Each structure stands twice: as C-alpha cells, then as structure tokens.
Amino acid sequence: MFGLFIGLGLTLLNRVATDLPVIILGIAGAYAGWLVGVIVFGAVRGSKDQEEQP
C-alpha cells in the first residue's frame, strides 16, 4: 500500500516541480497501511475471543 502511494507521488512529481506530492502521498500510504493492519489485527484477535466463549 505504501509503495502504491509513493509511486503515485512520483508520477505527480513529473508534472509538479516540488517534492510535496511524494511526501504527502507517502504519509497517506503509511497511514493507510497502518489502518489496514489495525483492522486485520482486530478481526483476527476478535474471532479468537468469540470462539473461546461458549
């Protein structure tokens, strides 16, 4: 996910003279990757808790 956003930022960098798109989209990609990790971790952890309780 992070690499996708960096690639998009590099594509925009060709059209704009500043590094700002790479920085902004890099931060957005890192946040999106963290968010997906939290959701997946919560789903996996939550499924184990529900199976153990009768």
PDB file of N, CA and C in Angstrom:
ATOM      1  N   MET A   1       0.837  -1.180   0.000  1.00  0.00           N
ATOM      2  CA  MET A   1       0.000   0.000   0.000  1.00  0.00           C
ATOM      3  C   MET A   1       0.886   1.249   0.000  1.00  0.00           C
ATOM      4  N   PHE A   2       1.917   1.223   0.845  1.00  0.00           N
ATOM      5  CA  PHE A   2       2.849   2.344   0.929  1.00  0.00           C
ATOM      6  C   PHE A   2       3.523   2.586  -0.419  1.00  0.00           C
ATOM      7  N   GLY A   3       3.944   1.504  -1.076  1.00  0.00           N
ATOM      8  CA  GLY A   3       4.607   1.618  -2.377  1.00  0.00           C
ATOM      9  C   GLY A   3       3.690   2.184  -3.446  1.00  0.00           C
ATOM     10  N   LEU A   4       2.420   1.835  -3.380  1.00  0.00           N
ATOM     11  CA  LEU A   4       1.445   2.353  -4.342  1.00  0.00           C
ATOM     12  C   LEU A   4       1.331   3.870  -4.242  1.00  0.00           C
ATOM     13  N   PHE A   5       1.241   4.365  -3.017  1.00  0.00           N
ATOM     14  CA  PHE A   5       1.129   5.799  -2.825  1.00  0.00           C
ATOM     15  C   PHE A   5       2.426   6.519  -3.213  1.00  0.00           C
ATOM     16  N   ILE A   6       3.574   5.909  -2.929  1.00  0.00           N
ATOM     17  CA  ILE A   6       4.846   6.509  -3.327  1.00  0.00           C
ATOM     18  C   ILE A   6       4.929   6.573  -4.857  1.00  0.00           C
ATOM     19  N   GLY A   7       4.512   5.512  -5.539  1.00  0.00           N
ATOM     20  CA  GLY A   7       4.503   5.509  -6.998  1.00  0.00           C
ATOM     21  C   GLY A   7       3.602   6.591  -7.564  1.00  0.00           C
ATOM     22  N   LEU A   8       2.446   6.779  -6.952  1.00  0.00           N
ATOM     23  CA  LEU A   8       1.536   7.841  -7.385  1.00  0.00           C
ATOM     24  C   LEU A   8       2.175   9.211  -7.167  1.00  0.00           C
ATOM     25  N   GLY A   9       2.852   9.366  -6.026  1.00  0.00           N
ATOM     26  CA  GLY A   9       3.530  10.631  -5.758  1.00  0.00           C
ATOM     27  C   GLY A   9       4.644  10.901  -6.757  1.00  0.00           C
ATOM     28  N   LEU A  10       5.380   9.862  -7.136  1.00  0.00           N
ATOM     29  CA  LEU A  10       6.452  10.037  -8.118  1.00  0.00           C
ATOM     30  C   LEU A  10       5.892  10.389  -9.493  1.00  0.00           C
ATOM     31  N   THR A  11       4.733   9.836  -9.815  1.00  0.00           N
ATOM     32  CA  THR A  11       4.085  10.190 -11.080  1.00  0.00           C
ATOM     33  C   THR A  11       3.677  11.660 -11.079  1.00  0.00           C
ATOM     34  N   LEU A  12       3.132  12.111  -9.960  1.00  0.00           N
ATOM     35  CA  LEU A  12       2.766  13.529  -9.863  1.00  0.00           C
ATOM     36  C   LEU A  12       3.995  14.426  -9.842  1.00  0.00           C
ATOM     37  N   LEU A  13       5.096  13.910  -9.318  1.00  0.00           N
ATOM     38  CA  LEU A  13       6.323  14.698  -9.255  1.00  0.00           C
ATOM     39  C   LEU A  13       6.811  15.082 -10.650  1.00  0.00           C
ATOM     40  N   ASN A  14       6.560  14.238 -11.637  1.00  0.00           N
ATOM     41  CA  ASN A  14       6.952  14.551 -13.004  1.00  0.00           C
ATOM     42  C   ASN A  14       6.202  15.770 -13.547  1.00  0.00           C
ATOM     43  N   ARG A  15       5.024  16.032 -13.023  1.00  0.00           N
ATOM     44  CA  ARG A  15       4.206  17.145 -13.507  1.00  0.00           C
ATOM     45  C   ARG A  15       4.351  18.397 -12.641  1.00  0.00           C
ATOM     46  N   VAL A  16       4.841  18.234 -11.413  1.00  0.00           N
ATOM     47  CA  VAL A  16       4.960  19.358 -10.484  1.00  0.00           C
ATOM     48  C   VAL A  16       6.430  19.513 -10.126  1.00  0.00           C
ATOM     49  N   ALA A  17       6.863  20.729  -9.847  1.00  0.00           N
ATOM     50  CA  ALA A  17       8.282  20.988  -9.613  1.00  0.00           C
ATOM     51  C   ALA A  17       8.725  20.744  -8.163  1.00  0.00           C
ATOM     52  N   THR A  18       7.805  20.378  -7.272  1.00  0.00           N
ATOM     53  CA  THR A  18       8.178  20.191  -5.862  1.00  0.00           C
ATOM     54  C   THR A  18       8.072  18.723  -5.468  1.00  0.00           C
ATOM     55  N   ASP A  19       8.667  18.381  -4.329  1.00  0.00           N
ATOM     56  CA  ASP A  19       8.595  17.014  -3.796  1.00  0.00           C
ATOM     57  C   ASP A  19       7.373  16.809  -2.911  1.00  0.00           C
ATOM     58  N   LEU A  20       6.532  17.792  -2.804  1.00  0.00           N
ATOM     59  CA  LEU A  20       5.391  17.735  -1.895  1.00  0.00           C
ATOM     60  C   LEU A  20       4.440  16.564  -2.165  1.00  0.00           C
ATOM     61  N   PRO A  21       4.093  16.233  -3.417  1.00  0.00           N
ATOM     62  CA  PRO A  21       3.196  15.083  -3.635  1.00  0.00           C
ATOM     63  C   PRO A  21       3.772  13.774  -3.105  1.00  0.00           C
ATOM     64  N   VAL A  22       5.067  13.576  -3.231  1.00  0.00           N
ATOM     65  CA  VAL A  22       5.681  12.338  -2.743  1.00  0.00           C
ATOM     66  C   VAL A  22       5.590  12.272  -1.234  1.00  0.00           C
ATOM     67  N   ILE A  23       5.831  13.380  -0.571  1.00  0.00           N
ATOM     68  CA  ILE A  23       5.787  13.412   0.893  1.00  0.00           C
ATOM     69  C   ILE A  23       4.362  13.186   1.397  1.00  0.00           C
ATOM     70  N   ILE A  24       3.415  13.908   0.826  1.00  0.00           N
ATOM     71  CA  ILE A  24       2.015  13.791   1.272  1.00  0.00           C
ATOM     72  C   ILE A  24       1.479  12.391   1.010  1.00  0.00           C
ATOM     73  N   LEU A  25       1.707  11.865  -0.189  1.00  0.00           N
ATOM     74  CA  LEU A  25       1.183  10.536  -0.507  1.00  0.00           C
ATOM     75  C   LEU A  25       1.953   9.447   0.239  1.00  0.00           C
ATOM     76  N   GLY A  26       3.204   9.690   0.573  1.00  0.00           N
ATOM     77  CA  GLY A  26       3.942   8.732   1.403  1.00  0.00           C
ATOM     78  C   GLY A  26       3.348   8.640   2.793  1.00  0.00           C
ATOM     79  N   ILE A  27       3.016   9.770   3.374  1.00  0.00           N
ATOM     80  CA  ILE A  27       2.373   9.789   4.694  1.00  0.00           C
ATOM     81  C   ILE A  27       0.998   9.134   4.618  1.00  0.00           C
ATOM     82  N   ALA A  28       0.246   9.436   3.550  1.00  0.00           N
ATOM     83  CA  ALA A  28      -1.077   8.818   3.386  1.00  0.00           C
ATOM     84  C   ALA A  28      -0.958   7.309   3.221  1.00  0.00           C
ATOM     85  N   GLY A  29       0.047   6.846   2.500  1.00  0.00           N
ATOM     86  CA  GLY A  29       0.242   5.411   2.321  1.00  0.00           C
ATOM     87  C   GLY A  29       0.630   4.724   3.619  1.00  0.00           C
ATOM     88  N   ALA A  30       1.480   5.361   4.402  1.00  0.00           N
ATOM     89  CA  ALA A  30       1.865   4.790   5.699  1.00  0.00           C
ATOM     90  C   ALA A  30       0.653   4.711   6.621  1.00  0.00           C
ATOM     91  N   TYR A  31      -0.172   5.745   6.631  1.00  0.00           N
ATOM     92  CA  TYR A  31      -1.377   5.743   7.455  1.00  0.00           C
ATOM     93  C   TYR A  31      -2.364   4.674   6.990  1.00  0.00           C
ATOM     94  N   ALA A  32      -2.538   4.559   5.684  1.00  0.00           N
ATOM     95  CA  ALA A  32      -3.465   3.552   5.154  1.00  0.00           C
ATOM     96  C   ALA A  32      -2.973   2.143   5.478  1.00  0.00           C
ATOM     97  N   GLY A  33      -1.678   1.907   5.372  1.00  0.00           N
ATOM     98  CA  GLY A  33      -1.132   0.599   5.733  1.00  0.00           C
ATOM     99  C   GLY A  33      -1.315   0.293   7.199  1.00  0.00           C
ATOM    100  N   TRP A  34      -1.102   1.284   8.060  1.00  0.00           N
ATOM    101  CA  TRP A  34      -1.300   1.096   9.499  1.00  0.00           C
ATOM    102  C   TRP A  34      -2.766   0.801   9.793  1.00  0.00           C
ATOM    103  N   LEU A  35      -3.666   1.537   9.139  1.00  0.00           N
ATOM    104  CA  LEU A  35      -5.097   1.358   9.367  1.00  0.00           C
ATOM    105  C   LEU A  35      -5.554  -0.044   8.956  1.00  0.00           C
ATOM    106  N   VAL A  36      -5.089  -0.527   7.820  1.00  0.00           N
ATOM    107  CA  VAL A  36      -5.430  -1.882   7.376  1.00  0.00           C
ATOM    108  C   VAL A  36      -4.879  -2.908   8.366  1.00  0.00           C
ATOM    109  N   GLY A  37      -3.677  -2.687   8.862  1.00  0.00           N
ATOM    110  CA  GLY A  37      -3.096  -3.589   9.856  1.00  0.00           C
ATOM    111  C   GLY A  37      -3.913  -3.638  11.132  1.00  0.00           C
ATOM    112  N   VAL A  38      -4.383  -2.496  11.596  1.00  0.00           N
ATOM    113  CA  VAL A  38      -5.205  -2.446  12.810  1.00  0.00           C
ATOM    114  C   VAL A  38      -6.522  -3.187  12.591  1.00  0.00           C
ATOM    115  N   ILE A  39      -7.130  -2.996  11.440  1.00  0.00           N
ATOM    116  CA  ILE A  39      -8.405  -3.661  11.151  1.00  0.00           C
ATOM    117  C   ILE A  39      -8.215  -5.174  11.083  1.00  0.00           C
ATOM    118  N   VAL A  40      -7.181  -5.623  10.392  1.00  0.00           N
ATOM    119  CA  VAL A  40      -6.935  -7.059  10.267  1.00  0.00           C
ATOM    120  C   VAL A  40      -6.584  -7.661  11.622  1.00  0.00           C
ATOM    121  N   PHE A  41      -5.732  -6.986  12.388  1.00  0.00           N
ATOM    122  CA  PHE A  41      -5.353  -7.487  13.708  1.00  0.00           C
ATOM    123  C   PHE A  41      -6.574  -7.576  14.621  1.00  0.00           C
ATOM    124  N   GLY A  42      -7.435  -6.563  14.572  1.00  0.00           N
ATOM    125  CA  GLY A  42      -8.645  -6.588  15.388  1.00  0.00           C
ATOM    126  C   GLY A  42      -9.592  -7.700  14.974  1.00  0.00           C
ATOM    127  N   ALA A  43      -9.704  -7.957  13.683  1.00  0.00           N
ATOM    128  CA  ALA A  43     -10.587  -9.023  13.206  1.00  0.00           C
ATOM    129  C   ALA A  43     -10.061 -10.394  13.615  1.00  0.00           C
ATOM    130  N   VAL A  44      -8.760 -10.596  13.496  1.00  0.00           N
ATOM    131  CA  VAL A  44      -8.173 -11.888  13.864  1.00  0.00           C
ATOM    132  C   VAL A  44      -8.263 -12.098  15.364  1.00  0.00           C
ATOM    133  N   ARG A  45      -7.944 -11.083  16.123  1.00  0.00           N
ATOM    134  CA  ARG A  45      -7.994 -11.199  17.578  1.00  0.00           C
ATOM    135  C   ARG A  45      -9.432 -11.363  18.061  1.00  0.00           C
ATOM    136  N   GLY A  46     -10.371 -10.653  17.452  1.00  0.00           N
ATOM    137  CA  GLY A  46     -11.751 -10.752  17.851  1.00  0.00           C
ATOM    138  C   GLY A  46     -12.366 -12.100  17.534  1.00  0.00           C
ATOM    139  N   SER A  47     -11.966 -12.724  16.447  1.00  0.00           N
ATOM    140  CA  SER A  47     -12.524 -14.028  16.083  1.00  0.00           C
ATOM    141  C   SER A  47     -12.086 -15.103  17.078  1.00  0.00           C
ATOM    142  N   LYS A  48     -10.879 -15.034  17.612  1.00  0.00           N
ATOM    143  CA  LYS A  48     -10.427 -15.995  18.609  1.00  0.00           C
ATOM    144  C   LYS A  48     -11.193 -15.838  19.920  1.00  0.00           C
ATOM    145  N   ASP A  49     -11.474 -14.593  20.332  1.00  0.00           N
ATOM    146  CA  ASP A  49     -12.207 -14.356  21.563  1.00  0.00           C
ATOM    147  C   ASP A  49     -13.630 -14.898  21.476  1.00  0.00           C
ATOM    148  N   GLN A  50     -14.261 -14.781  20.335  1.00  0.00           N
ATOM    149  CA  GLN A  50     -15.631 -15.253  20.178  1.00  0.00           C
ATOM    150  C   GLN A  50     -15.704 -16.771  20.156  1.00  0.00           C
ATOM    151  N   GLU A  51     -14.689 -17.460  19.624  1.00  0.00           N
ATOM    152  CA  GLU A  51     -14.705 -18.911  19.568  1.00  0.00           C
ATOM    153  C   GLU A  51     -14.503 -19.542  20.933  1.00  0.00           C
ATOM    154  N   GLU A  52     -13.729 -18.893  21.829  1.00  0.00           N
ATOM    155  CA  GLU A  52     -13.420 -19.474  23.126  1.00  0.00           C
ATOM    156  C   GLU A  52     -14.586 -19.369  24.099  1.00  0.00           C
ATOM    157  N   GLN A  53     -15.449 -18.363  23.949  1.00  0.00           N
ATOM    158  CA  GLN A  53     -16.561 -18.198  24.870  1.00  0.00           C
ATOM    159  C   GLN A  53     -17.754 -19.036  24.426  1.00  0.00           C
ATOM    160  N   PRO A  54     -18.292 -19.857  25.335  1.00  0.00           N
ATOM    161  CA  PRO A  54     -19.440 -20.705  24.959  1.00  0.00           C
ATOM    162  C   PRO A  54     -20.749 -19.947  24.938  1.00  0.00           C
TER     163      PRO A  54
END
